[in-house]
Amino acid sequence: MNKDWIKVFVAAFFEVIWVIGLKHANEFWAWTGTLIAIIISFYLMIMAGRKLPIGTVYAVFVGLGTAGTVFSEILFFDEPVKVEKILLILLLLAGVIGLKLVTKDLVREGDEN
């Protein structure tokens, strides 16, 4: 895995933080942290999209962010666990992993790995 895919995974991690922040932030510092997470998340996704196929980058970003948000809500905010929800998230993750596996990392002339 190259550094651009790592950027996508880190961006998805920060996506989980800002999505949860949008729901649960209720004071200045929580909103500030949410804004910082949004900036980091989108910056990393944009940087990765410069060297990787943007459609795949976006699908992986959103898929991992969605799965991470659902699992975080279950673990930290007492969201009810439903077997159907878990199975659908696993199906989503299978699709995201499949997209990552079938996408070739194209190195453009002048780009570094």
PDB file of N, CA and C in Angstrom:
ATOM      1  N   MET A   1       0.862  -1.178   0.000  1.00  0.00           N
ATOM      2  CA  MET A   1       0.000   0.000   0.000  1.00  0.00           C
ATOM      3  C   MET A   1       0.902   1.232   0.000  1.00  0.00           C
ATOM      4  N   ASN A   2       0.592   2.154  -0.913  1.00  0.00           N
ATOM      5  CA  ASN A   2       1.431   3.342  -0.969  1.00  0.00           C
ATOM      6  C   ASN A   2       0.895   4.465  -0.080  1.00  0.00           C
ATOM      7  N   LYS A   3       1.664   5.531  -0.007  1.00  0.00           N
ATOM      8  CA  LYS A   3       1.323   6.622   0.914  1.00  0.00           C
ATOM      9  C   LYS A   3       0.013   7.316   0.559  1.00  0.00           C
ATOM     10  N   ASP A   4      -0.376   7.277  -0.710  1.00  0.00           N
ATOM     11  CA  ASP A   4      -1.632   7.922  -1.086  1.00  0.00           C
ATOM     12  C   ASP A   4      -2.834   7.161  -0.544  1.00  0.00           C
ATOM     13  N   TRP A   5      -2.774   5.834  -0.498  1.00  0.00           N
ATOM     14  CA  TRP A   5      -3.869   5.064   0.097  1.00  0.00           C
ATOM     15  C   TRP A   5      -3.910   5.271   1.604  1.00  0.00           C
ATOM     16  N   ILE A   6      -2.757   5.437   2.210  1.00  0.00           N
ATOM     17  CA  ILE A   6      -2.734   5.729   3.649  1.00  0.00           C
ATOM     18  C   ILE A   6      -3.432   7.060   3.915  1.00  0.00           C
ATOM     19  N   LYS A   7      -3.238   8.043   3.030  1.00  0.00           N
ATOM     20  CA  LYS A   7      -3.931   9.325   3.165  1.00  0.00           C
ATOM     21  C   LYS A   7      -5.443   9.127   3.135  1.00  0.00           C
ATOM     22  N   VAL A   8      -5.923   8.233   2.262  1.00  0.00           N
ATOM     23  CA  VAL A   8      -7.361   7.975   2.173  1.00  0.00           C
ATOM     24  C   VAL A   8      -7.870   7.386   3.482  1.00  0.00           C
ATOM     25  N   PHE A   9      -7.139   6.428   4.049  1.00  0.00           N
ATOM     26  CA  PHE A   9      -7.566   5.797   5.301  1.00  0.00           C
ATOM     27  C   PHE A   9      -7.551   6.788   6.464  1.00  0.00           C
ATOM     28  N   VAL A  10      -6.531   7.627   6.524  1.00  0.00           N
ATOM     29  CA  VAL A  10      -6.482   8.645   7.587  1.00  0.00           C
ATOM     30  C   VAL A  10      -7.599   9.668   7.385  1.00  0.00           C
ATOM     31  N   ALA A  11      -7.868  10.038   6.129  1.00  0.00           N
ATOM     32  CA  ALA A  11      -8.969  10.964   5.837  1.00  0.00           C
ATOM     33  C   ALA A  11     -10.297  10.378   6.290  1.00  0.00           C
ATOM     34  N   ALA A  12     -10.491   9.078   6.072  1.00  0.00           N
ATOM     35  CA  ALA A  12     -11.735   8.428   6.508  1.00  0.00           C
ATOM     36  C   ALA A  12     -11.841   8.430   8.027  1.00  0.00           C
ATOM     37  N   PHE A  13     -10.720   8.245   8.718  1.00  0.00           N
ATOM     38  CA  PHE A  13     -10.724   8.306  10.182  1.00  0.00           C
ATOM     39  C   PHE A  13     -11.200   9.685  10.651  1.00  0.00           C
ATOM     40  N   PHE A  14     -10.666  10.745  10.035  1.00  0.00           N
ATOM     41  CA  PHE A  14     -11.080  12.092  10.418  1.00  0.00           C
ATOM     42  C   PHE A  14     -12.515  12.374   9.993  1.00  0.00           C
ATOM     43  N   GLU A  15     -12.985  11.693   8.935  1.00  0.00           N
ATOM     44  CA  GLU A  15     -14.388  11.842   8.548  1.00  0.00           C
ATOM     45  C   GLU A  15     -15.304  11.349   9.666  1.00  0.00           C
ATOM     46  N   VAL A  16     -14.943  10.225  10.262  1.00  0.00           N
ATOM     47  CA  VAL A  16     -15.737   9.691  11.370  1.00  0.00           C
ATOM     48  C   VAL A  16     -15.804  10.719  12.499  1.00  0.00           C
ATOM     49  N   ILE A  17     -14.677  11.342  12.798  1.00  0.00           N
ATOM     50  CA  ILE A  17     -14.628  12.330  13.873  1.00  0.00           C
ATOM     51  C   ILE A  17     -15.539  13.518  13.565  1.00  0.00           C
ATOM     52  N   TRP A  18     -15.464  14.050  12.335  1.00  0.00           N
ATOM     53  CA  TRP A  18     -16.268  15.241  12.062  1.00  0.00           C
ATOM     54  C   TRP A  18     -17.748  14.929  11.915  1.00  0.00           C
ATOM     55  N   VAL A  19     -18.082  13.746  11.410  1.00  0.00           N
ATOM     56  CA  VAL A  19     -19.499  13.393  11.312  1.00  0.00           C
ATOM     57  C   VAL A  19     -20.104  13.265  12.714  1.00  0.00           C
ATOM     58  N   ILE A  20     -19.388  12.607  13.613  1.00  0.00           N
ATOM     59  CA  ILE A  20     -19.863  12.504  14.997  1.00  0.00           C
ATOM     60  C   ILE A  20     -19.906  13.895  15.641  1.00  0.00           C
ATOM     61  N   GLY A  21     -18.911  14.721  15.321  1.00  0.00           N
ATOM     62  CA  GLY A  21     -18.896  16.087  15.839  1.00  0.00           C
ATOM     63  C   GLY A  21     -20.095  16.896  15.396  1.00  0.00           C
ATOM     64  N   LEU A  22     -20.514  16.709  14.150  1.00  0.00           N
ATOM     65  CA  LEU A  22     -21.688  17.442  13.669  1.00  0.00           C
ATOM     66  C   LEU A  22     -22.934  17.092  14.477  1.00  0.00           C
ATOM     67  N   LYS A  23     -23.016  15.852  14.931  1.00  0.00           N
ATOM     68  CA  LYS A  23     -24.187  15.432  15.704  1.00  0.00           C
ATOM     69  C   LYS A  23     -24.083  15.830  17.173  1.00  0.00           C
ATOM     70  N   HIS A  24     -22.894  15.714  17.746  1.00  0.00           N
ATOM     71  CA  HIS A  24     -22.769  15.824  19.196  1.00  0.00           C
ATOM     72  C   HIS A  24     -22.106  17.110  19.697  1.00  0.00           C
ATOM     73  N   ALA A  25     -21.542  17.921  18.820  1.00  0.00           N
ATOM     74  CA  ALA A  25     -20.885  19.154  19.274  1.00  0.00           C
ATOM     75  C   ALA A  25     -21.932  20.140  19.772  1.00  0.00           C
ATOM     76  N   ASN A  26     -21.652  20.719  20.935  1.00  0.00           N
ATOM     77  CA  ASN A  26     -22.606  21.677  21.492  1.00  0.00           C
ATOM     78  C   ASN A  26     -21.931  22.874  22.153  1.00  0.00           C
ATOM     79  N   GLU A  27     -20.631  22.995  21.958  1.00  0.00           N
ATOM     80  CA  GLU A  27     -19.934  24.154  22.507  1.00  0.00           C
ATOM     81  C   GLU A  27     -18.762  24.507  21.598  1.00  0.00           C
ATOM     82  N   PHE A  28     -18.147  25.646  21.832  1.00  0.00           N
ATOM     83  CA  PHE A  28     -17.144  26.206  20.923  1.00  0.00           C
ATOM     84  C   PHE A  28     -16.013  25.247  20.589  1.00  0.00           C
ATOM     85  N   TRP A  29     -15.403  24.635  21.592  1.00  0.00           N
ATOM     86  CA  TRP A  29     -14.233  23.791  21.333  1.00  0.00           C
ATOM     87  C   TRP A  29     -14.593  22.510  20.587  1.00  0.00           C
ATOM     88  N   ALA A  30     -15.773  21.973  20.845  1.00  0.00           N
ATOM     89  CA  ALA A  30     -16.216  20.799  20.095  1.00  0.00           C
ATOM     90  C   ALA A  30     -16.441  21.162  18.625  1.00  0.00           C
ATOM     91  N   TRP A  31     -17.018  22.332  18.380  1.00  0.00           N
ATOM     92  CA  TRP A  31     -17.209  22.775  17.002  1.00  0.00           C
ATOM     93  C   TRP A  31     -15.868  23.090  16.330  1.00  0.00           C
ATOM     94  N   THR A  32     -14.941  23.629  17.086  1.00  0.00           N
ATOM     95  CA  THR A  32     -13.609  23.903  16.541  1.00  0.00           C
ATOM     96  C   THR A  32     -12.919  22.606  16.139  1.00  0.00           C
ATOM     97  N   GLY A  33     -12.992  21.599  17.002  1.00  0.00           N
ATOM     98  CA  GLY A  33     -12.417  20.292  16.673  1.00  0.00           C
ATOM     99  C   GLY A  33     -13.080  19.666  15.460  1.00  0.00           C
ATOM    100  N   THR A  34     -14.392  19.832  15.350  1.00  0.00           N
ATOM    101  CA  THR A  34     -15.124  19.313  14.198  1.00  0.00           C
ATOM    102  C   THR A  34     -14.646  19.989  12.919  1.00  0.00           C
ATOM    103  N   LEU A  35     -14.493  21.298  12.952  1.00  0.00           N
ATOM    104  CA  LEU A  35     -14.017  22.034  11.782  1.00  0.00           C
ATOM    105  C   LEU A  35     -12.605  21.610  11.389  1.00  0.00           C
ATOM    106  N   ILE A  36     -11.739  21.434  12.363  1.00  0.00           N
ATOM    107  CA  ILE A  36     -10.371  20.986  12.081  1.00  0.00           C
ATOM    108  C   ILE A  36     -10.388  19.593  11.456  1.00  0.00           C
ATOM    109  N   ALA A  37     -11.235  18.702  11.965  1.00  0.00           N
ATOM    110  CA  ALA A  37     -11.342  17.349  11.396  1.00  0.00           C
ATOM    111  C   ALA A  37     -11.848  17.401   9.955  1.00  0.00           C
ATOM    112  N   ILE A  38     -12.788  18.300   9.654  1.00  0.00           N
ATOM    113  CA  ILE A  38     -13.284  18.446   8.278  1.00  0.00           C
ATOM    114  C   ILE A  38     -12.145  18.881   7.355  1.00  0.00           C
ATOM    115  N   ILE A  39     -11.385  19.859   7.792  1.00  0.00           N
ATOM    116  CA  ILE A  39     -10.283  20.376   6.972  1.00  0.00           C
ATOM    117  C   ILE A  39      -9.244  19.285   6.721  1.00  0.00           C
ATOM    118  N   ILE A  40      -8.825  18.578   7.756  1.00  0.00           N
ATOM    119  CA  ILE A  40      -7.834  17.516   7.606  1.00  0.00           C
ATOM    120  C   ILE A  40      -8.370  16.420   6.690  1.00  0.00           C
ATOM    121  N   SER A  41      -9.602  16.012   6.921  1.00  0.00           N
ATOM    122  CA  SER A  41     -10.207  14.939   6.148  1.00  0.00           C
ATOM    123  C   SER A  41     -10.238  15.256   4.655  1.00  0.00           C
ATOM    124  N   PHE A  42     -10.769  16.420   4.314  1.00  0.00           N
ATOM    125  CA  PHE A  42     -10.884  16.767   2.902  1.00  0.00           C
ATOM    126  C   PHE A  42      -9.529  17.068   2.273  1.00  0.00           C
ATOM    127  N   TYR A  43      -8.620  17.663   3.023  1.00  0.00           N
ATOM    128  CA  TYR A  43      -7.285  17.921   2.494  1.00  0.00           C
ATOM    129  C   TYR A  43      -6.608  16.609   2.098  1.00  0.00           C
ATOM    130  N   LEU A  44      -6.641  15.618   2.997  1.00  0.00           N
ATOM    131  CA  LEU A  44      -5.997  14.340   2.699  1.00  0.00           C
ATOM    132  C   LEU A  44      -6.671  13.626   1.534  1.00  0.00           C
ATOM    133  N   MET A  45      -7.995  13.690   1.470  1.00  0.00           N
ATOM    134  CA  MET A  45      -8.700  13.048   0.365  1.00  0.00           C
ATOM    135  C   MET A  45      -8.342  13.724  -0.958  1.00  0.00           C
ATOM    136  N   ILE A  46      -8.290  15.032  -0.980  1.00  0.00           N
ATOM    137  CA  ILE A  46      -7.943  15.763  -2.199  1.00  0.00           C
ATOM    138  C   ILE A  46      -6.517  15.441  -2.627  1.00  0.00           C
ATOM    139  N   MET A  47      -5.588  15.406  -1.684  1.00  0.00           N
ATOM    140  CA  MET A  47      -4.195  15.086  -2.011  1.00  0.00           C
ATOM    141  C   MET A  47      -4.073  13.667  -2.581  1.00  0.00           C
ATOM    142  N   ALA A  48      -4.786  12.725  -2.004  1.00  0.00           N
ATOM    143  CA  ALA A  48      -4.747  11.348  -2.520  1.00  0.00           C
ATOM    144  C   ALA A  48      -5.380  11.281  -3.903  1.00  0.00           C
ATOM    145  N   GLY A  49      -6.444  12.049  -4.128  1.00  0.00           N
ATOM    146  CA  GLY A  49      -7.134  12.045  -5.411  1.00  0.00           C
ATOM    147  C   GLY A  49      -6.321  12.618  -6.554  1.00  0.00           C
ATOM    148  N   ARG A  50      -5.262  13.302  -6.241  1.00  0.00           N
ATOM    149  CA  ARG A  50      -4.384  13.832  -7.290  1.00  0.00           C
ATOM    150  C   ARG A  50      -3.573  12.731  -7.961  1.00  0.00           C
ATOM    151  N   LYS A  51      -3.346  11.634  -7.238  1.00  0.00           N
ATOM    152  CA  LYS A  51      -2.520  10.560  -7.795  1.00  0.00           C
ATOM    153  C   LYS A  51      -3.272   9.255  -7.981  1.00  0.00           C
ATOM    154  N   LEU A  52      -4.411   9.110  -7.346  1.00  0.00           N
ATOM    155  CA  LEU A  52      -5.217   7.894  -7.452  1.00  0.00           C
ATOM    156  C   LEU A  52      -6.511   8.217  -8.183  1.00  0.00           C
ATOM    157  N   PRO A  53      -7.168   7.207  -8.744  1.00  0.00           N
ATOM    158  CA  PRO A  53      -8.462   7.453  -9.405  1.00  0.00           C
ATOM    159  C   PRO A  53      -9.476   8.029  -8.407  1.00  0.00           C
ATOM    160  N   ILE A  54      -9.990   9.203  -8.710  1.00  0.00           N
ATOM    161  CA  ILE A  54     -10.811   9.942  -7.749  1.00  0.00           C
ATOM    162  C   ILE A  54     -12.101   9.216  -7.405  1.00  0.00           C
ATOM    163  N   GLY A  55     -12.698   8.512  -8.364  1.00  0.00           N
ATOM    164  CA  GLY A  55     -13.927   7.768  -8.078  1.00  0.00           C
ATOM    165  C   GLY A  55     -13.708   6.703  -7.026  1.00  0.00           C
ATOM    166  N   THR A  56     -12.605   5.988  -7.148  1.00  0.00           N
ATOM    167  CA  THR A  56     -12.281   4.949  -6.175  1.00  0.00           C
ATOM    168  C   THR A  56     -11.908   5.566  -4.834  1.00  0.00           C
ATOM    169  N   VAL A  57     -11.138   6.650  -4.864  1.00  0.00           N
ATOM    170  CA  VAL A  57     -10.771   7.343  -3.627  1.00  0.00           C
ATOM    171  C   VAL A  57     -12.020   7.776  -2.871  1.00  0.00           C
ATOM    172  N   TYR A  58     -12.956   8.381  -3.584  1.00  0.00           N
ATOM    173  CA  TYR A  58     -14.163   8.871  -2.932  1.00  0.00           C
ATOM    174  C   TYR A  58     -15.003   7.714  -2.387  1.00  0.00           C
ATOM    175  N   ALA A  59     -15.124   6.632  -3.168  1.00  0.00           N
ATOM    176  CA  ALA A  59     -15.909   5.476  -2.707  1.00  0.00           C
ATOM    177  C   ALA A  59     -15.295   4.860  -1.454  1.00  0.00           C
ATOM    178  N   VAL A  60     -13.982   4.716  -1.426  1.00  0.00           N
ATOM    179  CA  VAL A  60     -13.305   4.156  -0.252  1.00  0.00           C
ATOM    180  C   VAL A  60     -13.443   5.099   0.934  1.00  0.00           C
ATOM    181  N   PHE A  61     -13.245   6.381   0.713  1.00  0.00           N
ATOM    182  CA  PHE A  61     -13.368   7.404   1.754  1.00  0.00           C
ATOM    183  C   PHE A  61     -14.754   7.365   2.399  1.00  0.00           C
ATOM    184  N   VAL A  62     -15.785   7.405   1.582  1.00  0.00           N
ATOM    185  CA  VAL A  62     -17.150   7.431   2.101  1.00  0.00           C
ATOM    186  C   VAL A  62     -17.528   6.088   2.736  1.00  0.00           C
ATOM    187  N   GLY A  63     -17.123   4.992   2.110  1.00  0.00           N
ATOM    188  CA  GLY A  63     -17.444   3.671   2.658  1.00  0.00           C
ATOM    189  C   GLY A  63     -16.821   3.440   4.023  1.00  0.00           C
ATOM    190  N   LEU A  64     -15.540   3.763   4.141  1.00  0.00           N
ATOM    191  CA  LEU A  64     -14.875   3.599   5.433  1.00  0.00           C
ATOM    192  C   LEU A  64     -15.419   4.574   6.461  1.00  0.00           C
ATOM    193  N   GLY A  65     -15.706   5.790   6.026  1.00  0.00           N
ATOM    194  CA  GLY A  65     -16.290   6.774   6.942  1.00  0.00           C
ATOM    195  C   GLY A  65     -17.659   6.346   7.446  1.00  0.00           C
ATOM    196  N   THR A  66     -18.463   5.799   6.555  1.00  0.00           N
ATOM    197  CA  THR A  66     -19.788   5.323   6.943  1.00  0.00           C
ATOM    198  C   THR A  66     -19.684   4.170   7.934  1.00  0.00           C
ATOM    199  N   ALA A  67     -18.863   3.193   7.602  1.00  0.00           N
ATOM    200  CA  ALA A  67     -18.693   2.045   8.499  1.00  0.00           C
ATOM    201  C   ALA A  67     -18.136   2.489   9.845  1.00  0.00           C
ATOM    202  N   GLY A  68     -17.137   3.352   9.827  1.00  0.00           N
ATOM    203  CA  GLY A  68     -16.554   3.835  11.070  1.00  0.00           C
ATOM    204  C   GLY A  68     -17.541   4.610  11.923  1.00  0.00           C
ATOM    205  N   THR A  69     -18.379   5.401  11.269  1.00  0.00           N
ATOM    206  CA  THR A  69     -19.383   6.172  12.004  1.00  0.00           C
ATOM    207  C   THR A  69     -20.417   5.255  12.648  1.00  0.00           C
ATOM    208  N   VAL A  70     -20.873   4.260  11.911  1.00  0.00           N
ATOM    209  CA  VAL A  70     -21.863   3.319  12.461  1.00  0.00           C
ATOM    210  C   VAL A  70     -21.274   2.569  13.649  1.00  0.00           C
ATOM    211  N   PHE A  71     -20.053   2.050  13.492  1.00  0.00           N
ATOM    212  CA  PHE A  71     -19.445   1.308  14.598  1.00  0.00           C
ATOM    213  C   PHE A  71     -19.141   2.215  15.787  1.00  0.00           C
ATOM    214  N   SER A  72     -18.739   3.456  15.542  1.00  0.00           N
ATOM    215  CA  SER A  72     -18.489   4.395  16.637  1.00  0.00           C
ATOM    216  C   SER A  72     -19.765   4.721  17.397  1.00  0.00           C
ATOM    217  N   GLU A  73     -20.852   4.915  16.675  1.00  0.00           N
ATOM    218  CA  GLU A  73     -22.138   5.181  17.331  1.00  0.00           C
ATOM    219  C   GLU A  73     -22.548   3.995  18.208  1.00  0.00           C
ATOM    220  N   ILE A  74     -22.291   2.784  17.732  1.00  0.00           N
ATOM    221  CA  ILE A  74     -22.625   1.590  18.521  1.00  0.00           C
ATOM    222  C   ILE A  74     -21.735   1.504  19.758  1.00  0.00           C
ATOM    223  N   LEU A  75     -20.432   1.715  19.580  1.00  0.00           N
ATOM    224  CA  LEU A  75     -19.481   1.559  20.683  1.00  0.00           C
ATOM    225  C   LEU A  75     -19.542   2.679  21.724  1.00  0.00           C
ATOM    226  N   PHE A  76     -19.708   3.918  21.254  1.00  0.00           N
ATOM    227  CA  PHE A  76     -19.556   5.043  22.165  1.00  0.00           C
ATOM    228  C   PHE A  76     -20.857   5.775  22.520  1.00  0.00           C
ATOM    229  N   PHE A  77     -21.915   5.566  21.737  1.00  0.00           N
ATOM    230  CA  PHE A  77     -23.124   6.352  21.950  1.00  0.00           C
ATOM    231  C   PHE A  77     -24.376   5.496  22.090  1.00  0.00           C
ATOM    232  N   ASP A  78     -24.203   4.247  22.467  1.00  0.00           N
ATOM    233  CA  ASP A  78     -25.312   3.339  22.791  1.00  0.00           C
ATOM    234  C   ASP A  78     -26.345   3.185  21.676  1.00  0.00           C
ATOM    235  N   GLU A  79     -25.895   3.248  20.438  1.00  0.00           N
ATOM    236  CA  GLU A  79     -26.786   2.962  19.312  1.00  0.00           C
ATOM    237  C   GLU A  79     -27.108   1.464  19.352  1.00  0.00           C
ATOM    238  N   PRO A  80     -28.360   1.080  19.155  1.00  0.00           N
ATOM    239  CA  PRO A  80     -28.703  -0.349  19.208  1.00  0.00           C
ATOM    240  C   PRO A  80     -27.992  -1.141  18.102  1.00  0.00           C
ATOM    241  N   VAL A  81     -27.565  -2.330  18.456  1.00  0.00           N
ATOM    242  CA  VAL A  81     -26.901  -3.223  17.503  1.00  0.00           C
ATOM    243  C   VAL A  81     -27.969  -4.053  16.815  1.00  0.00           C
ATOM    244  N   LYS A  82     -27.998  -3.993  15.500  1.00  0.00           N
ATOM    245  CA  LYS A  82     -28.925  -4.794  14.719  1.00  0.00           C
ATOM    246  C   LYS A  82     -28.113  -5.654  13.762  1.00  0.00           C
ATOM    247  N   VAL A  83     -28.416  -6.921  13.707  1.00  0.00           N
ATOM    248  CA  VAL A  83     -27.688  -7.854  12.847  1.00  0.00           C
ATOM    249  C   VAL A  83     -27.737  -7.379  11.399  1.00  0.00           C
ATOM    250  N   GLU A  84     -28.884  -6.909  10.958  1.00  0.00           N
ATOM    251  CA  GLU A  84     -29.028  -6.438   9.579  1.00  0.00           C
ATOM    252  C   GLU A  84     -28.069  -5.292   9.286  1.00  0.00           C
ATOM    253  N   LYS A  85     -27.958  -4.379  10.222  1.00  0.00           N
ATOM    254  CA  LYS A  85     -27.072  -3.223  10.047  1.00  0.00           C
ATOM    255  C   LYS A  85     -25.616  -3.680   9.931  1.00  0.00           C
ATOM    256  N   ILE A  86     -25.205  -4.594  10.801  1.00  0.00           N
ATOM    257  CA  ILE A  86     -23.831  -5.098  10.774  1.00  0.00           C
ATOM    258  C   ILE A  86     -23.552  -5.827   9.462  1.00  0.00           C
ATOM    259  N   LEU A  87     -24.484  -6.643   9.011  1.00  0.00           N
ATOM    260  CA  LEU A  87     -24.297  -7.371   7.747  1.00  0.00           C
ATOM    261  C   LEU A  87     -24.191  -6.405   6.562  1.00  0.00           C
ATOM    262  N   LEU A  88     -25.001  -5.370   6.555  1.00  0.00           N
ATOM    263  CA  LEU A  88     -24.938  -4.398   5.463  1.00  0.00           C
ATOM    264  C   LEU A  88     -23.640  -3.597   5.490  1.00  0.00           C
ATOM    265  N   ILE A  89     -23.170  -3.261   6.669  1.00  0.00           N
ATOM    266  CA  ILE A  89     -21.878  -2.562   6.773  1.00  0.00           C
ATOM    267  C   ILE A  89     -20.752  -3.473   6.290  1.00  0.00           C
ATOM    268  N   LEU A  90     -20.808  -4.752   6.641  1.00  0.00           N
ATOM    269  CA  LEU A  90     -19.795  -5.698   6.165  1.00  0.00           C
ATOM    270  C   LEU A  90     -19.844  -5.831   4.642  1.00  0.00           C
ATOM    271  N   LEU A  91     -21.040  -5.817   4.066  1.00  0.00           N
ATOM    272  CA  LEU A  91     -21.179  -5.846   2.612  1.00  0.00           C
ATOM    273  C   LEU A  91     -20.581  -4.586   1.992  1.00  0.00           C
ATOM    274  N   LEU A  92     -20.842  -3.440   2.610  1.00  0.00           N
ATOM    275  CA  LEU A  92     -20.263  -2.183   2.149  1.00  0.00           C
ATOM    276  C   LEU A  92     -18.736  -2.242   2.193  1.00  0.00           C
ATOM    277  N   LEU A  93     -18.194  -2.744   3.293  1.00  0.00           N
ATOM    278  CA  LEU A  93     -16.736  -2.856   3.419  1.00  0.00           C
ATOM    279  C   LEU A  93     -16.159  -3.825   2.394  1.00  0.00           C
ATOM    280  N   ALA A  94     -16.873  -4.904   2.100  1.00  0.00           N
ATOM    281  CA  ALA A  94     -16.410  -5.845   1.074  1.00  0.00           C
ATOM    282  C   ALA A  94     -16.320  -5.134  -0.278  1.00  0.00           C
ATOM    283  N   GLY A  95     -17.303  -4.297  -0.579  1.00  0.00           N
ATOM    284  CA  GLY A  95     -17.262  -3.540  -1.828  1.00  0.00           C
ATOM    285  C   GLY A  95     -16.111  -2.549  -1.860  1.00  0.00           C
ATOM    286  N   VAL A  96     -15.876  -1.880  -0.757  1.00  0.00           N
ATOM    287  CA  VAL A  96     -14.774  -0.915  -0.671  1.00  0.00           C
ATOM    288  C   VAL A  96     -13.433  -1.626  -0.835  1.00  0.00           C
ATOM    289  N   ILE A  97     -13.266  -2.738  -0.149  1.00  0.00           N
ATOM    290  CA  ILE A  97     -12.014  -3.500  -0.268  1.00  0.00           C
ATOM    291  C   ILE A  97     -11.854  -4.012  -1.696  1.00  0.00           C
ATOM    292  N   GLY A  98     -12.946  -4.474  -2.290  1.00  0.00           N
ATOM    293  CA  GLY A  98     -12.893  -4.932  -3.676  1.00  0.00           C
ATOM    294  C   GLY A  98     -12.469  -3.828  -4.626  1.00  0.00           C
ATOM    295  N   LEU A  99     -13.023  -2.644  -4.456  1.00  0.00           N
ATOM    296  CA  LEU A  99     -12.618  -1.509  -5.294  1.00  0.00           C
ATOM    297  C   LEU A  99     -11.141  -1.207  -5.137  1.00  0.00           C
ATOM    298  N   LYS A 100     -10.668  -1.225  -3.917  1.00  0.00           N
ATOM    299  CA  LYS A 100      -9.248  -0.956  -3.666  1.00  0.00           C
ATOM    300  C   LYS A 100      -8.378  -2.007  -4.339  1.00  0.00           C
ATOM    301  N   LEU A 101      -8.793  -3.267  -4.263  1.00  0.00           N
ATOM    302  CA  LEU A 101      -7.986  -4.351  -4.824  1.00  0.00           C
ATOM    303  C   LEU A 101      -7.940  -4.330  -6.350  1.00  0.00           C
ATOM    304  N   VAL A 102      -9.003  -3.914  -7.000  1.00  0.00           N
ATOM    305  CA  VAL A 102      -9.021  -3.930  -8.464  1.00  0.00           C
ATOM    306  C   VAL A 102      -8.540  -2.629  -9.083  1.00  0.00           C
ATOM    307  N   THR A 103      -8.250  -1.628  -8.265  1.00  0.00           N
ATOM    308  CA  THR A 103      -7.771  -0.344  -8.785  1.00  0.00           C
ATOM    309  C   THR A 103      -6.255  -0.354  -8.826  1.00  0.00           C
ATOM    310  N   LYS A 104      -5.740  -0.115 -10.010  1.00  0.00           N
ATOM    311  CA  LYS A 104      -4.287  -0.051 -10.167  1.00  0.00           C
ATOM    312  C   LYS A 104      -3.799   1.318  -9.732  1.00  0.00           C
ATOM    313  N   ASP A 105      -2.675   1.310  -9.037  1.00  0.00           N
ATOM    314  CA  ASP A 105      -2.057   2.573  -8.644  1.00  0.00           C
ATOM    315  C   ASP A 105      -1.258   3.079  -9.841  1.00  0.00           C
ATOM    316  N   LEU A 106      -1.748   4.137 -10.448  1.00  0.00           N
ATOM    317  CA  LEU A 106      -1.064   4.707 -11.601  1.00  0.00           C
ATOM    318  C   LEU A 106      -0.081   5.762 -11.117  1.00  0.00           C
ATOM    319  N   VAL A 107       1.161   5.640 -11.560  1.00  0.00           N
ATOM    320  CA  VAL A 107       2.154   6.643 -11.219  1.00  0.00           C
ATOM    321  C   VAL A 107       2.313   7.527 -12.431  1.00  0.00           C
ATOM    322  N   ARG A 108       1.972   8.794 -12.275  1.00  0.00           N
ATOM    323  CA  ARG A 108       2.090   9.738 -13.370  1.00  0.00           C
ATOM    324  C   ARG A 108       3.534  10.201 -13.485  1.00  0.00           C
ATOM    325  N   GLU A 109       3.899  10.603 -14.685  1.00  0.00           N
ATOM    326  CA  GLU A 109       5.250  11.083 -14.916  1.00  0.00           C
ATOM    327  C   GLU A 109       5.558  12.254 -13.997  1.00  0.00           C
ATOM    328  N   GLY A 110       6.670  12.182 -13.294  1.00  0.00           N
ATOM    329  CA  GLY A 110       7.057  13.246 -12.385  1.00  0.00           C
ATOM    330  C   GLY A 110       6.567  13.063 -10.968  1.00  0.00           C
ATOM    331  N   ASP A 111       5.673  12.086 -10.740  1.00  0.00           N
ATOM    332  CA  ASP A 111       5.174  11.830  -9.391  1.00  0.00           C
ATOM    333  C   ASP A 111       6.125  10.912  -8.650  1.00  0.00           C
ATOM    334  N   GLU A 112       6.200  11.121  -7.355  1.00  0.00           N
ATOM    335  CA  GLU A 112       7.010  10.245  -6.511  1.00  0.00           C
ATOM    336  C   GLU A 112       6.117   9.252  -5.812  1.00  0.00           C
ATOM    337  N   ASN A 113       6.624   8.081  -5.494  1.00  0.00           N
ATOM    338  CA  ASN A 113       5.883   7.095  -4.692  1.00  0.00           C
ATOM    339  C   ASN A 113       6.106   7.278  -3.275  1.00  0.00           C
TER     340      ASN A 113
END
